[in-house]
Amino acid sequence: SLFLAGLMGMLISAVAMTVGLVLLSQFAWMSYVSMVA
């Protein structure tokens, strides 16, 4: 369960990093999203 939770959390974080990087030029606050991710 910890392994699966860790993998899913990493997956969601990787998607959040991608969203943060893609939208960084449009929204300056996306840098914080990327850092948290």
Full PDB file with SEQRES, HELIX, SHEET, SSBOND, CRYST1, ORIGX, SCALE, CONECT and MASTER records, all heavy atoms in Angstrom:
SEQRES   1 A   37  SER LEU PHE LEU ALA GLY LEU MET GLY MET LEU ILE SER          
SEQRES   2 A   37  ALA VAL ALA MET THR VAL GLY LEU VAL LEU LEU SER GLN          
SEQRES   3 A   37  PHE ALA TRP MET SER TYR VAL SER MET VAL ALA                  
HELIX    1 AA1 LEU A    2  VAL A   22  1                                  21    
HELIX    2 AA2 MET A   30  VAL A   36  1                                   7    
CRYST1    1.000    1.000    1.000  90.00  90.00  90.00 P 1           1          
ORIGX1      1.000000  0.000000  0.000000        0.00000                         
ORIGX2      0.000000  1.000000  0.000000        0.00000                         
ORIGX3      0.000000  0.000000  1.000000        0.00000                         
SCALE1      1.000000  0.000000  0.000000        0.00000                         
SCALE2      0.000000  1.000000  0.000000        0.00000                         
SCALE3      0.000000  0.000000  1.000000        0.00000                         
ATOM      1  N   SER A   1       0.824  -1.211   0.000  1.00  0.00           N  
ATOM      2  CA  SER A   1       0.000   0.000   0.000  1.00  0.00           C  
ATOM      3  C   SER A   1       0.857   1.259   0.000  1.00  0.00           C  
ATOM      4  O   SER A   1       0.538   2.233  -0.695  1.00  0.00           O  
ATOM      5  CB  SER A   1      -0.965   0.000   1.185  1.00  0.00           C  
ATOM      6  OG  SER A   1      -0.255  -0.095   2.392  1.00  0.00           O  
ATOM      7  N   LEU A   2       1.961   1.260   0.736  1.00  0.00           N  
ATOM      8  CA  LEU A   2       2.859   2.419   0.714  1.00  0.00           C  
ATOM      9  C   LEU A   2       3.520   2.572  -0.650  1.00  0.00           C  
ATOM     10  O   LEU A   2       3.692   3.689  -1.150  1.00  0.00           O  
ATOM     11  CB  LEU A   2       3.940   2.284   1.789  1.00  0.00           C  
ATOM     12  CG  LEU A   2       3.543   2.648   3.205  1.00  0.00           C  
ATOM     13  CD1 LEU A   2       4.692   2.384   4.167  1.00  0.00           C  
ATOM     14  CD2 LEU A   2       3.109   4.093   3.287  1.00  0.00           C  
ATOM     15  N   PHE A   3       3.890   1.449  -1.245  1.00  0.00           N  
ATOM     16  CA  PHE A   3       4.517   1.487  -2.562  1.00  0.00           C  
ATOM     17  C   PHE A   3       3.549   2.060  -3.602  1.00  0.00           C  
ATOM     18  O   PHE A   3       3.906   2.944  -4.385  1.00  0.00           O  
ATOM     19  CB  PHE A   3       4.974   0.078  -2.950  1.00  0.00           C  
ATOM     20  CG  PHE A   3       5.815   0.017  -4.187  1.00  0.00           C  
ATOM     21  CD1 PHE A   3       7.057   0.618  -4.223  1.00  0.00           C  
ATOM     22  CD2 PHE A   3       5.372  -0.648  -5.310  1.00  0.00           C  
ATOM     23  CE1 PHE A   3       7.844   0.564  -5.366  1.00  0.00           C  
ATOM     24  CE2 PHE A   3       6.140  -0.712  -6.454  1.00  0.00           C  
ATOM     25  CZ  PHE A   3       7.379  -0.104  -6.482  1.00  0.00           C  
ATOM     26  N   LEU A   4       2.311   1.564  -3.578  1.00  0.00           N  
ATOM     27  CA  LEU A   4       1.304   2.056  -4.528  1.00  0.00           C  
ATOM     28  C   LEU A   4       0.970   3.527  -4.276  1.00  0.00           C  
ATOM     29  O   LEU A   4       0.836   4.311  -5.230  1.00  0.00           O  
ATOM     30  CB  LEU A   4       0.041   1.204  -4.448  1.00  0.00           C  
ATOM     31  CG  LEU A   4       0.176  -0.223  -4.989  1.00  0.00           C  
ATOM     32  CD1 LEU A   4      -1.084  -1.024  -4.692  1.00  0.00           C  
ATOM     33  CD2 LEU A   4       0.496  -0.228  -6.467  1.00  0.00           C  
ATOM     34  N   ALA A   5       0.852   3.916  -3.015  1.00  0.00           N  
ATOM     35  CA  ALA A   5       0.565   5.320  -2.690  1.00  0.00           C  
ATOM     36  C   ALA A   5       1.714   6.218  -3.141  1.00  0.00           C  
ATOM     37  O   ALA A   5       1.482   7.307  -3.691  1.00  0.00           O  
ATOM     38  CB  ALA A   5       0.324   5.483  -1.196  1.00  0.00           C  
ATOM     39  N   GLY A   6       2.930   5.760  -2.939  1.00  0.00           N  
ATOM     40  CA  GLY A   6       4.087   6.536  -3.382  1.00  0.00           C  
ATOM     41  C   GLY A   6       4.127   6.693  -4.891  1.00  0.00           C  
ATOM     42  O   GLY A   6       4.384   7.790  -5.409  1.00  0.00           O  
ATOM     43  N   LEU A   7       3.870   5.607  -5.610  1.00  0.00           N  
ATOM     44  CA  LEU A   7       3.860   5.686  -7.076  1.00  0.00           C  
ATOM     45  C   LEU A   7       2.763   6.623  -7.574  1.00  0.00           C  
ATOM     46  O   LEU A   7       2.999   7.439  -8.473  1.00  0.00           O  
ATOM     47  CB  LEU A   7       3.669   4.295  -7.682  1.00  0.00           C  
ATOM     48  CG  LEU A   7       4.865   3.347  -7.604  1.00  0.00           C  
ATOM     49  CD1 LEU A   7       4.461   1.953  -8.056  1.00  0.00           C  
ATOM     50  CD2 LEU A   7       6.029   3.869  -8.424  1.00  0.00           C  
ATOM     51  N   MET A   8       1.567   6.515  -7.004  1.00  0.00           N  
ATOM     52  CA  MET A   8       0.464   7.374  -7.441  1.00  0.00           C  
ATOM     53  C   MET A   8       0.750   8.838  -7.089  1.00  0.00           C  
ATOM     54  O   MET A   8       0.472   9.740  -7.891  1.00  0.00           O  
ATOM     55  CB  MET A   8      -0.860   6.917  -6.816  1.00  0.00           C  
ATOM     56  CG  MET A   8      -2.061   7.669  -7.350  1.00  0.00           C  
ATOM     57  SD  MET A   8      -2.241   7.717  -9.151  1.00  0.00           S  
ATOM     58  CE  MET A   8      -2.495   6.011  -9.544  1.00  0.00           C  
ATOM     59  N   GLY A   9       1.301   9.087  -5.913  1.00  0.00           N  
ATOM     60  CA  GLY A   9       1.664  10.454  -5.539  1.00  0.00           C  
ATOM     61  C   GLY A   9       2.730  11.030  -6.463  1.00  0.00           C  
ATOM     62  O   GLY A   9       2.666  12.197  -6.858  1.00  0.00           O  
ATOM     63  N   MET A  10       3.705  10.202  -6.832  1.00  0.00           N  
ATOM     64  CA  MET A  10       4.732  10.659  -7.775  1.00  0.00           C  
ATOM     65  C   MET A  10       4.125  10.936  -9.145  1.00  0.00           C  
ATOM     66  O   MET A  10       4.507  11.906  -9.814  1.00  0.00           O  
ATOM     67  CB  MET A  10       5.845   9.610  -7.884  1.00  0.00           C  
ATOM     68  CG  MET A  10       6.706   9.504  -6.647  1.00  0.00           C  
ATOM     69  SD  MET A  10       7.857   8.115  -6.731  1.00  0.00           S  
ATOM     70  CE  MET A  10       8.928   8.617  -8.066  1.00  0.00           C  
ATOM     71  N   LEU A  11       3.180  10.097  -9.565  1.00  0.00           N  
ATOM     72  CA  LEU A  11       2.509  10.289 -10.847  1.00  0.00           C  
ATOM     73  C   LEU A  11       1.754  11.627 -10.870  1.00  0.00           C  
ATOM     74  O   LEU A  11       1.893  12.421 -11.812  1.00  0.00           O  
ATOM     75  CB  LEU A  11       1.552   9.128 -11.120  1.00  0.00           C  
ATOM     76  CG  LEU A  11       0.607   9.247 -12.309  1.00  0.00           C  
ATOM     77  CD1 LEU A  11       1.365   9.366 -13.607  1.00  0.00           C  
ATOM     78  CD2 LEU A  11      -0.322   8.055 -12.352  1.00  0.00           C  
ATOM     79  N   ILE A  12       0.989  11.887  -9.826  1.00  0.00           N  
ATOM     80  CA  ILE A  12       0.238  13.143  -9.742  1.00  0.00           C  
ATOM     81  C   ILE A  12       1.198  14.334  -9.682  1.00  0.00           C  
ATOM     82  O   ILE A  12       0.971  15.367 -10.330  1.00  0.00           O  
ATOM     83  CB  ILE A  12      -0.722  13.111  -8.536  1.00  0.00           C  
ATOM     84  CG1 ILE A  12      -1.814  12.071  -8.774  1.00  0.00           C  
ATOM     85  CG2 ILE A  12      -1.315  14.492  -8.264  1.00  0.00           C  
ATOM     86  CD1 ILE A  12      -2.633  11.720  -7.555  1.00  0.00           C  
ATOM     87  N   SER A  13       2.294  14.184  -8.957  1.00  0.00           N  
ATOM     88  CA  SER A  13       3.287  15.257  -8.866  1.00  0.00           C  
ATOM     89  C   SER A  13       3.939  15.520 -10.220  1.00  0.00           C  
ATOM     90  O   SER A  13       4.187  16.682 -10.580  1.00  0.00           O  
ATOM     91  CB  SER A  13       4.357  14.908  -7.836  1.00  0.00           C  
ATOM     92  OG  SER A  13       3.800  14.773  -6.560  1.00  0.00           O  
ATOM     93  N   ALA A  14       4.227  14.463 -10.977  1.00  0.00           N  
ATOM     94  CA  ALA A  14       4.826  14.641 -12.302  1.00  0.00           C  
ATOM     95  C   ALA A  14       3.868  15.364 -13.242  1.00  0.00           C  
ATOM     96  O   ALA A  14       4.277  16.233 -14.025  1.00  0.00           O  
ATOM     97  CB  ALA A  14       5.229  13.283 -12.885  1.00  0.00           C  
ATOM     98  N   VAL A  15       2.587  15.035 -13.155  1.00  0.00           N  
ATOM     99  CA  VAL A  15       1.585  15.737 -13.971  1.00  0.00           C  
ATOM    100  C   VAL A  15       1.505  17.209 -13.538  1.00  0.00           C  
ATOM    101  O   VAL A  15       1.448  18.113 -14.385  1.00  0.00           O  
ATOM    102  CB  VAL A  15       0.209  15.043 -13.872  1.00  0.00           C  
ATOM    103  CG1 VAL A  15      -0.886  15.888 -14.503  1.00  0.00           C  
ATOM    104  CG2 VAL A  15       0.261  13.662 -14.508  1.00  0.00           C  
ATOM    105  N   ALA A  16       1.528  17.454 -12.231  1.00  0.00           N  
ATOM    106  CA  ALA A  16       1.482  18.834 -11.733  1.00  0.00           C  
ATOM    107  C   ALA A  16       2.720  19.617 -12.173  1.00  0.00           C  
ATOM    108  O   ALA A  16       2.617  20.801 -12.525  1.00  0.00           O  
ATOM    109  CB  ALA A  16       1.356  18.842 -10.211  1.00  0.00           C  
ATOM    110  N   MET A  17       3.890  18.968 -12.182  1.00  0.00           N  
ATOM    111  CA  MET A  17       5.100  19.646 -12.668  1.00  0.00           C  
ATOM    112  C   MET A  17       4.963  20.008 -14.140  1.00  0.00           C  
ATOM    113  O   MET A  17       5.350  21.101 -14.555  1.00  0.00           O  
ATOM    114  CB  MET A  17       6.328  18.754 -12.475  1.00  0.00           C  
ATOM    115  CG  MET A  17       6.866  18.751 -11.069  1.00  0.00           C  
ATOM    116  SD  MET A  17       8.417  17.880 -10.939  1.00  0.00           S  
ATOM    117  CE  MET A  17       7.857  16.239 -10.538  1.00  0.00           C  
ATOM    118  N   THR A  18       4.400  19.097 -14.915  1.00  0.00           N  
ATOM    119  CA  THR A  18       4.203  19.368 -16.333  1.00  0.00           C  
ATOM    120  C   THR A  18       3.250  20.541 -16.533  1.00  0.00           C  
ATOM    121  O   THR A  18       3.534  21.453 -17.318  1.00  0.00           O  
ATOM    122  CB  THR A  18       3.660  18.116 -17.057  1.00  0.00           C  
ATOM    123  OG1 THR A  18       4.591  17.047 -16.880  1.00  0.00           O  
ATOM    124  CG2 THR A  18       3.455  18.373 -18.526  1.00  0.00           C  
ATOM    125  N   VAL A  19       2.138  20.524 -15.827  1.00  0.00           N  
ATOM    126  CA  VAL A  19       1.167  21.629 -15.926  1.00  0.00           C  
ATOM    127  C   VAL A  19       1.830  22.945 -15.514  1.00  0.00           C  
ATOM    128  O   VAL A  19       1.676  23.979 -16.181  1.00  0.00           O  
ATOM    129  CB  VAL A  19      -0.091  21.342 -15.078  1.00  0.00           C  
ATOM    130  CG1 VAL A  19      -0.980  22.571 -14.971  1.00  0.00           C  
ATOM    131  CG2 VAL A  19      -0.853  20.163 -15.652  1.00  0.00           C  
ATOM    132  N   GLY A  20       2.589  22.889 -14.423  1.00  0.00           N  
ATOM    133  CA  GLY A  20       3.274  24.092 -13.960  1.00  0.00           C  
ATOM    134  C   GLY A  20       4.259  24.630 -14.982  1.00  0.00           C  
ATOM    135  O   GLY A  20       4.333  25.848 -15.214  1.00  0.00           O  
ATOM    136  N   LEU A  21       5.013  23.761 -15.609  1.00  0.00           N  
ATOM    137  CA  LEU A  21       5.985  24.202 -16.606  1.00  0.00           C  
ATOM    138  C   LEU A  21       5.320  24.702 -17.886  1.00  0.00           C  
ATOM    139  O   LEU A  21       5.778  25.682 -18.490  1.00  0.00           O  
ATOM    140  CB  LEU A  21       6.951  23.063 -16.937  1.00  0.00           C  
ATOM    141  CG  LEU A  21       7.953  22.699 -15.846  1.00  0.00           C  
ATOM    142  CD1 LEU A  21       8.738  21.445 -16.230  1.00  0.00           C  
ATOM    143  CD2 LEU A  21       8.893  23.853 -15.584  1.00  0.00           C  
ATOM    144  N   VAL A  22       4.254  24.037 -18.299  1.00  0.00           N  
ATOM    145  CA  VAL A  22       3.554  24.450 -19.519  1.00  0.00           C  
ATOM    146  C   VAL A  22       2.910  25.823 -19.352  1.00  0.00           C  
ATOM    147  O   VAL A  22       2.952  26.662 -20.251  1.00  0.00           O  
ATOM    148  CB  VAL A  22       2.506  23.387 -19.930  1.00  0.00           C  
ATOM    149  CG1 VAL A  22       1.586  23.910 -21.019  1.00  0.00           C  
ATOM    150  CG2 VAL A  22       3.194  22.110 -20.387  1.00  0.00           C  
ATOM    151  N   LEU A  23       2.323  26.068 -18.196  1.00  0.00           N  
ATOM    152  CA  LEU A  23       1.593  27.327 -17.963  1.00  0.00           C  
ATOM    153  C   LEU A  23       2.443  28.420 -17.319  1.00  0.00           C  
ATOM    154  O   LEU A  23       1.931  29.498 -17.008  1.00  0.00           O  
ATOM    155  CB  LEU A  23       0.363  27.055 -17.099  1.00  0.00           C  
ATOM    156  CG  LEU A  23      -0.679  26.112 -17.710  1.00  0.00           C  
ATOM    157  CD1 LEU A  23      -1.811  25.879 -16.733  1.00  0.00           C  
ATOM    158  CD2 LEU A  23      -1.190  26.650 -19.034  1.00  0.00           C  
ATOM    159  N   LEU A  24       3.727  28.164 -17.126  1.00  0.00           N  
ATOM    160  CA  LEU A  24       4.602  29.124 -16.450  1.00  0.00           C  
ATOM    161  C   LEU A  24       4.683  30.460 -17.185  1.00  0.00           C  
ATOM    162  O   LEU A  24       4.698  31.522 -16.547  1.00  0.00           O  
ATOM    163  CB  LEU A  24       6.004  28.533 -16.296  1.00  0.00           C  
ATOM    164  CG  LEU A  24       7.012  29.361 -15.522  1.00  0.00           C  
ATOM    165  CD1 LEU A  24       6.508  29.600 -14.103  1.00  0.00           C  
ATOM    166  CD2 LEU A  24       8.349  28.650 -15.495  1.00  0.00           C  
ATOM    167  N   SER A  25       4.684  30.434 -18.509  1.00  0.00           N  
ATOM    168  CA  SER A  25       4.775  31.691 -19.262  1.00  0.00           C  
ATOM    169  C   SER A  25       3.482  32.511 -19.178  1.00  0.00           C  
ATOM    170  O   SER A  25       3.511  33.723 -19.381  1.00  0.00           O  
ATOM    171  CB  SER A  25       5.118  31.400 -20.725  1.00  0.00           C  
ATOM    172  OG  SER A  25       4.110  30.606 -21.319  1.00  0.00           O  
ATOM    173  N   GLN A  26       2.371  31.868 -18.865  1.00  0.00           N  
ATOM    174  CA  GLN A  26       1.092  32.577 -18.776  1.00  0.00           C  
ATOM    175  C   GLN A  26       0.773  33.052 -17.356  1.00  0.00           C  
ATOM    176  O   GLN A  26       0.134  34.080 -17.175  1.00  0.00           O  
ATOM    177  CB  GLN A  26      -0.041  31.677 -19.277  1.00  0.00           C  
ATOM    178  CG  GLN A  26       0.107  31.336 -20.746  1.00  0.00           C  
ATOM    179  CD  GLN A  26      -0.868  30.259 -21.174  1.00  0.00           C  
ATOM    180  OE1 GLN A  26      -1.607  29.715 -20.358  1.00  0.00           O  
ATOM    181  NE2 GLN A  26      -0.867  29.948 -22.455  1.00  0.00           N  
ATOM    182  N   PHE A  27       1.200  32.268 -16.377  1.00  0.00           N  
ATOM    183  CA  PHE A  27       0.910  32.585 -14.975  1.00  0.00           C  
ATOM    184  C   PHE A  27       2.196  32.465 -14.160  1.00  0.00           C  
ATOM    185  O   PHE A  27       2.746  31.366 -14.026  1.00  0.00           O  
ATOM    186  CB  PHE A  27      -0.131  31.627 -14.389  1.00  0.00           C  
ATOM    187  CG  PHE A  27      -1.413  31.561 -15.175  1.00  0.00           C  
ATOM    188  CD1 PHE A  27      -1.666  30.505 -16.024  1.00  0.00           C  
ATOM    189  CD2 PHE A  27      -2.361  32.572 -15.051  1.00  0.00           C  
ATOM    190  CE1 PHE A  27      -2.846  30.434 -16.747  1.00  0.00           C  
ATOM    191  CE2 PHE A  27      -3.538  32.512 -15.771  1.00  0.00           C  
ATOM    192  CZ  PHE A  27      -3.784  31.438 -16.628  1.00  0.00           C  
ATOM    193  N   ALA A  28       2.638  33.563 -13.599  1.00  0.00           N  
ATOM    194  CA  ALA A  28       3.893  33.561 -12.832  1.00  0.00           C  
ATOM    195  C   ALA A  28       3.805  32.664 -11.598  1.00  0.00           C  
ATOM    196  O   ALA A  28       4.798  32.051 -11.191  1.00  0.00           O  
ATOM    197  CB  ALA A  28       4.260  34.985 -12.425  1.00  0.00           C  
ATOM    198  N   TRP A  29       2.604  32.564 -11.034  1.00  0.00           N  
ATOM    199  CA  TRP A  29       2.449  31.756  -9.816  1.00  0.00           C  
ATOM    200  C   TRP A  29       2.588  30.259 -10.070  1.00  0.00           C  
ATOM    201  O   TRP A  29       2.660  29.462  -9.132  1.00  0.00           O  
ATOM    202  CB  TRP A  29       1.138  32.072  -9.105  1.00  0.00           C  
ATOM    203  CG  TRP A  29      -0.091  31.933  -9.954  1.00  0.00           C  
ATOM    204  CD1 TRP A  29      -0.683  32.903 -10.704  1.00  0.00           C  
ATOM    205  CD2 TRP A  29      -0.871  30.757 -10.146  1.00  0.00           C  
ATOM    206  NE1 TRP A  29      -1.791  32.407 -11.339  1.00  0.00           N  
ATOM    207  CE2 TRP A  29      -1.929  31.088 -11.016  1.00  0.00           C  
ATOM    208  CE3 TRP A  29      -0.793  29.458  -9.666  1.00  0.00           C  
ATOM    209  CZ2 TRP A  29      -2.882  30.163 -11.421  1.00  0.00           C  
ATOM    210  CZ3 TRP A  29      -1.748  28.535 -10.068  1.00  0.00           C  
ATOM    211  CH2 TRP A  29      -2.780  28.887 -10.941  1.00  0.00           C  
ATOM    212  N   MET A  30       2.644  29.847 -11.320  1.00  0.00           N  
ATOM    213  CA  MET A  30       2.832  28.420 -11.626  1.00  0.00           C  
ATOM    214  C   MET A  30       4.201  27.920 -11.181  1.00  0.00           C  
ATOM    215  O   MET A  30       4.403  26.724 -11.004  1.00  0.00           O  
ATOM    216  CB  MET A  30       2.660  28.152 -13.124  1.00  0.00           C  
ATOM    217  CG  MET A  30       1.228  28.015 -13.537  1.00  0.00           C  
ATOM    218  SD  MET A  30       0.498  26.564 -12.772  1.00  0.00           S  
ATOM    219  CE  MET A  30      -1.182  26.781 -13.218  1.00  0.00           C  
ATOM    220  N   SER A  31       5.135  28.841 -10.976  1.00  0.00           N  
ATOM    221  CA  SER A  31       6.446  28.419 -10.455  1.00  0.00           C  
ATOM    222  C   SER A  31       6.287  27.814  -9.068  1.00  0.00           C  
ATOM    223  O   SER A  31       6.983  26.862  -8.713  1.00  0.00           O  
ATOM    224  CB  SER A  31       7.419  29.596 -10.419  1.00  0.00           C  
ATOM    225  OG  SER A  31       6.937  30.609  -9.551  1.00  0.00           O  
ATOM    226  N   TYR A  32       5.334  28.332  -8.281  1.00  0.00           N  
ATOM    227  CA  TYR A  32       5.074  27.771  -6.956  1.00  0.00           C  
ATOM    228  C   TYR A  32       4.437  26.386  -7.057  1.00  0.00           C  
ATOM    229  O   TYR A  32       4.743  25.499  -6.264  1.00  0.00           O  
ATOM    230  CB  TYR A  32       4.180  28.711  -6.135  1.00  0.00           C  
ATOM    231  CG  TYR A  32       4.824  30.040  -5.864  1.00  0.00           C  
ATOM    232  CD1 TYR A  32       4.324  31.204  -6.439  1.00  0.00           C  
ATOM    233  CD2 TYR A  32       5.939  30.134  -5.043  1.00  0.00           C  
ATOM    234  CE1 TYR A  32       4.921  32.432  -6.199  1.00  0.00           C  
ATOM    235  CE2 TYR A  32       6.546  31.358  -4.792  1.00  0.00           C  
ATOM    236  CZ  TYR A  32       6.029  32.496  -5.380  1.00  0.00           C  
ATOM    237  OH  TYR A  32       6.624  33.696  -5.142  1.00  0.00           O  
ATOM    238  N   VAL A  33       3.568  26.220  -8.039  1.00  0.00           N  
ATOM    239  CA  VAL A  33       2.967  24.899  -8.277  1.00  0.00           C  
ATOM    240  C   VAL A  33       4.060  23.894  -8.606  1.00  0.00           C  
ATOM    241  O   VAL A  33       4.081  22.778  -8.069  1.00  0.00           O  
ATOM    242  CB  VAL A  33       1.911  24.967  -9.411  1.00  0.00           C  
ATOM    243  CG1 VAL A  33       1.448  23.575  -9.807  1.00  0.00           C  
ATOM    244  CG2 VAL A  33       0.732  25.831  -8.993  1.00  0.00           C  
ATOM    245  N   SER A  34       4.990  24.296  -9.463  1.00  0.00           N  
ATOM    246  CA  SER A  34       6.092  23.404  -9.835  1.00  0.00           C  
ATOM    247  C   SER A  34       6.964  23.069  -8.627  1.00  0.00           C  
ATOM    248  O   SER A  34       7.373  21.911  -8.453  1.00  0.00           O  
ATOM    249  CB  SER A  34       6.943  24.027 -10.939  1.00  0.00           C  
ATOM    250  OG  SER A  34       6.180  24.191 -12.110  1.00  0.00           O  
ATOM    251  N   MET A  35       7.245  24.072  -7.806  1.00  0.00           N  
ATOM    252  CA  MET A  35       8.093  23.827  -6.626  1.00  0.00           C  
ATOM    253  C   MET A  35       7.407  22.878  -5.648  1.00  0.00           C  
ATOM    254  O   MET A  35       8.032  21.944  -5.135  1.00  0.00           O  
ATOM    255  CB  MET A  35       8.434  25.146  -5.929  1.00  0.00           C  
ATOM    256  CG  MET A  35       9.457  25.951  -6.689  1.00  0.00           C  
ATOM    257  SD  MET A  35       9.904  27.545  -5.987  1.00  0.00           S  
ATOM    258  CE  MET A  35       9.249  27.585  -4.379  1.00  0.00           C  
ATOM    259  N   VAL A  36       6.134  23.095  -5.389  1.00  0.00           N  
ATOM    260  CA  VAL A  36       5.394  22.211  -4.488  1.00  0.00           C  
ATOM    261  C   VAL A  36       5.340  20.803  -5.063  1.00  0.00           C  
ATOM    262  O   VAL A  36       5.511  19.816  -4.342  1.00  0.00           O  
ATOM    263  CB  VAL A  36       3.975  22.766  -4.218  1.00  0.00           C  
ATOM    264  CG1 VAL A  36       3.104  21.746  -3.513  1.00  0.00           C  
ATOM    265  CG2 VAL A  36       4.053  24.053  -3.409  1.00  0.00           C  
ATOM    266  N   ALA A  37       5.147  20.697  -6.376  1.00  0.00           N  
ATOM    267  CA  ALA A  37       5.103  19.381  -7.022  1.00  0.00           C  
ATOM    268  C   ALA A  37       6.440  18.659  -6.894  1.00  0.00           C  
ATOM    269  O   ALA A  37       6.478  17.440  -6.663  1.00  0.00           O  
ATOM    270  CB  ALA A  37       4.714  19.529  -8.489  1.00  0.00           C  
TER     271      ALA A  37                                                      
MASTER        0    0    0    2    0    0    0    6  270    1    0    3          
END                                                                             
